[in-house]
């Protein structure tokens, strides 16, 4: 059986985008505490995380995974 790199890449991107959504919606206090000064440059924004998730879904559709 051949390794399908597109499915592996899509799965990793999907897990990352879901993690970004969870941090943006439920873990903003944790993110500011854990990231420290880096959180001022990379804030956990709800809109950007949803956009990232939608782009990952579009990539998955374009690759034929979805």
C-alpha atoms as a PDB file:
ATOM      1  CA  UNK A   1       0.000   0.000   0.000  1.00  0.00           C
ATOM      2  CA  UNK A   2       1.349   3.367  -0.995  1.00  0.00           C
ATOM      3  CA  UNK A   3       1.542   6.253   1.474  1.00  0.00           C
ATOM      4  CA  UNK A   4      -0.799   9.016   0.448  1.00  0.00           C
ATOM      5  CA  UNK A   5       1.000  12.188   1.436  1.00  0.00           C
ATOM      6  CA  UNK A   6      -1.958  14.392   0.538  1.00  0.00           C
ATOM      7  CA  UNK A   7      -4.156  12.719   3.143  1.00  0.00           C
ATOM      8  CA  UNK A   8      -1.418  12.974   5.782  1.00  0.00           C
ATOM      9  CA  UNK A   9      -0.817  16.648   4.988  1.00  0.00           C
ATOM     10  CA  UNK A  10      -4.528  17.443   4.988  1.00  0.00           C
ATOM     11  CA  UNK A  11      -5.041  15.633   8.302  1.00  0.00           C
ATOM     12  CA  UNK A  12      -2.196  17.558   9.936  1.00  0.00           C
ATOM     13  CA  UNK A  13      -3.541  20.869   8.629  1.00  0.00           C
ATOM     14  CA  UNK A  14      -7.046  19.971   9.790  1.00  0.00           C
ATOM     15  CA  UNK A  15      -5.836  19.108  13.306  1.00  0.00           C
ATOM     16  CA  UNK A  16      -3.840  22.349  13.436  1.00  0.00           C
ATOM     17  CA  UNK A  17      -6.778  24.468  12.287  1.00  0.00           C
ATOM     18  CA  UNK A  18      -9.125  22.854  14.801  1.00  0.00           C
ATOM     19  CA  UNK A  19      -6.535  23.507  17.518  1.00  0.00           C
ATOM     20  CA  UNK A  20      -6.336  27.151  16.429  1.00  0.00           C
ATOM     21  CA  UNK A  21     -10.130  27.446  16.661  1.00  0.00           C
ATOM     22  CA  UNK A  22     -10.165  25.917  20.137  1.00  0.00           C
ATOM     23  CA  UNK A  23      -7.442  28.280  21.360  1.00  0.00           C
ATOM     24  CA  UNK A  24      -9.098  31.321  19.784  1.00  0.00           C
ATOM     25  CA  UNK A  25     -12.558  30.588  21.177  1.00  0.00           C
ATOM     26  CA  UNK A  26     -11.803  28.997  24.538  1.00  0.00           C
ATOM     27  CA  UNK A  27      -8.141  29.482  25.433  1.00  0.00           C
ATOM     28  CA  UNK A  28      -7.268  33.156  24.977  1.00  0.00           C
ATOM     29  CA  UNK A  29      -6.177  33.576  28.602  1.00  0.00           C
ATOM     30  CA  UNK A  30      -3.994  30.495  28.369  1.00  0.00           C
ATOM     31  CA  UNK A  31      -2.481  31.687  25.075  1.00  0.00           C
ATOM     32  CA  UNK A  32      -1.523  35.088  26.489  1.00  0.00           C
ATOM     33  CA  UNK A  33      -0.020  33.451  29.553  1.00  0.00           C
ATOM     34  CA  UNK A  34       1.799  30.659  27.680  1.00  0.00           C
ATOM     35  CA  UNK A  35       3.105  32.740  24.768  1.00  0.00           C
ATOM     36  CA  UNK A  36       4.027  35.798  26.802  1.00  0.00           C
ATOM     37  CA  UNK A  37       5.266  38.695  24.644  1.00  0.00           C
ATOM     38  CA  UNK A  38       4.797  36.604  21.502  1.00  0.00           C
ATOM     39  CA  UNK A  39       1.025  36.802  22.026  1.00  0.00           C
ATOM     40  CA  UNK A  40       1.082  40.524  21.215  1.00  0.00           C
ATOM     41  CA  UNK A  41       2.450  39.749  17.738  1.00  0.00           C
ATOM     42  CA  UNK A  42       0.382  36.588  17.174  1.00  0.00           C
ATOM     43  CA  UNK A  43      -2.963  37.083  18.938  1.00  0.00           C
ATOM     44  CA  UNK A  44      -5.507  34.277  19.003  1.00  0.00           C
ATOM     45  CA  UNK A  45      -8.119  35.917  16.775  1.00  0.00           C
ATOM     46  CA  UNK A  46     -11.425  34.184  16.170  1.00  0.00           C
ATOM     47  CA  UNK A  47     -11.893  35.471  12.636  1.00  0.00           C
ATOM     48  CA  UNK A  48      -8.473  34.406  11.401  1.00  0.00           C
ATOM     49  CA  UNK A  49      -8.797  30.950  12.905  1.00  0.00           C
ATOM     50  CA  UNK A  50     -12.148  30.385  11.200  1.00  0.00           C
ATOM     51  CA  UNK A  51     -10.682  31.647   7.912  1.00  0.00           C
ATOM     52  CA  UNK A  52      -7.755  29.243   8.343  1.00  0.00           C
ATOM     53  CA  UNK A  53     -10.198  26.368   8.915  1.00  0.00           C
ATOM     54  CA  UNK A  54     -12.189  27.276   5.800  1.00  0.00           C
ATOM     55  CA  UNK A  55      -9.003  27.468   3.724  1.00  0.00           C
ATOM     56  CA  UNK A  56      -7.962  24.023   4.964  1.00  0.00           C
ATOM     57  CA  UNK A  57     -11.363  22.665   3.926  1.00  0.00           C
ATOM     58  CA  UNK A  58     -10.943  24.250   0.477  1.00  0.00           C
ATOM     59  CA  UNK A  59      -7.497  22.691   0.156  1.00  0.00           C
ATOM     60  CA  UNK A  60      -8.929  19.314   1.142  1.00  0.00           C
ATOM     61  CA  UNK A  61     -11.682  19.667  -1.443  1.00  0.00           C
ATOM     62  CA  UNK A  62      -9.181  20.687  -4.128  1.00  0.00           C
ATOM     63  CA  UNK A  63      -6.947  17.705  -3.320  1.00  0.00           C
ATOM     64  CA  UNK A  64      -9.926  15.381  -3.492  1.00  0.00           C
ATOM     65  CA  UNK A  65      -9.690  14.330   0.133  1.00  0.00           C
ATOM     66  CA  UNK A  66     -13.154  15.620   1.043  1.00  0.00           C
END
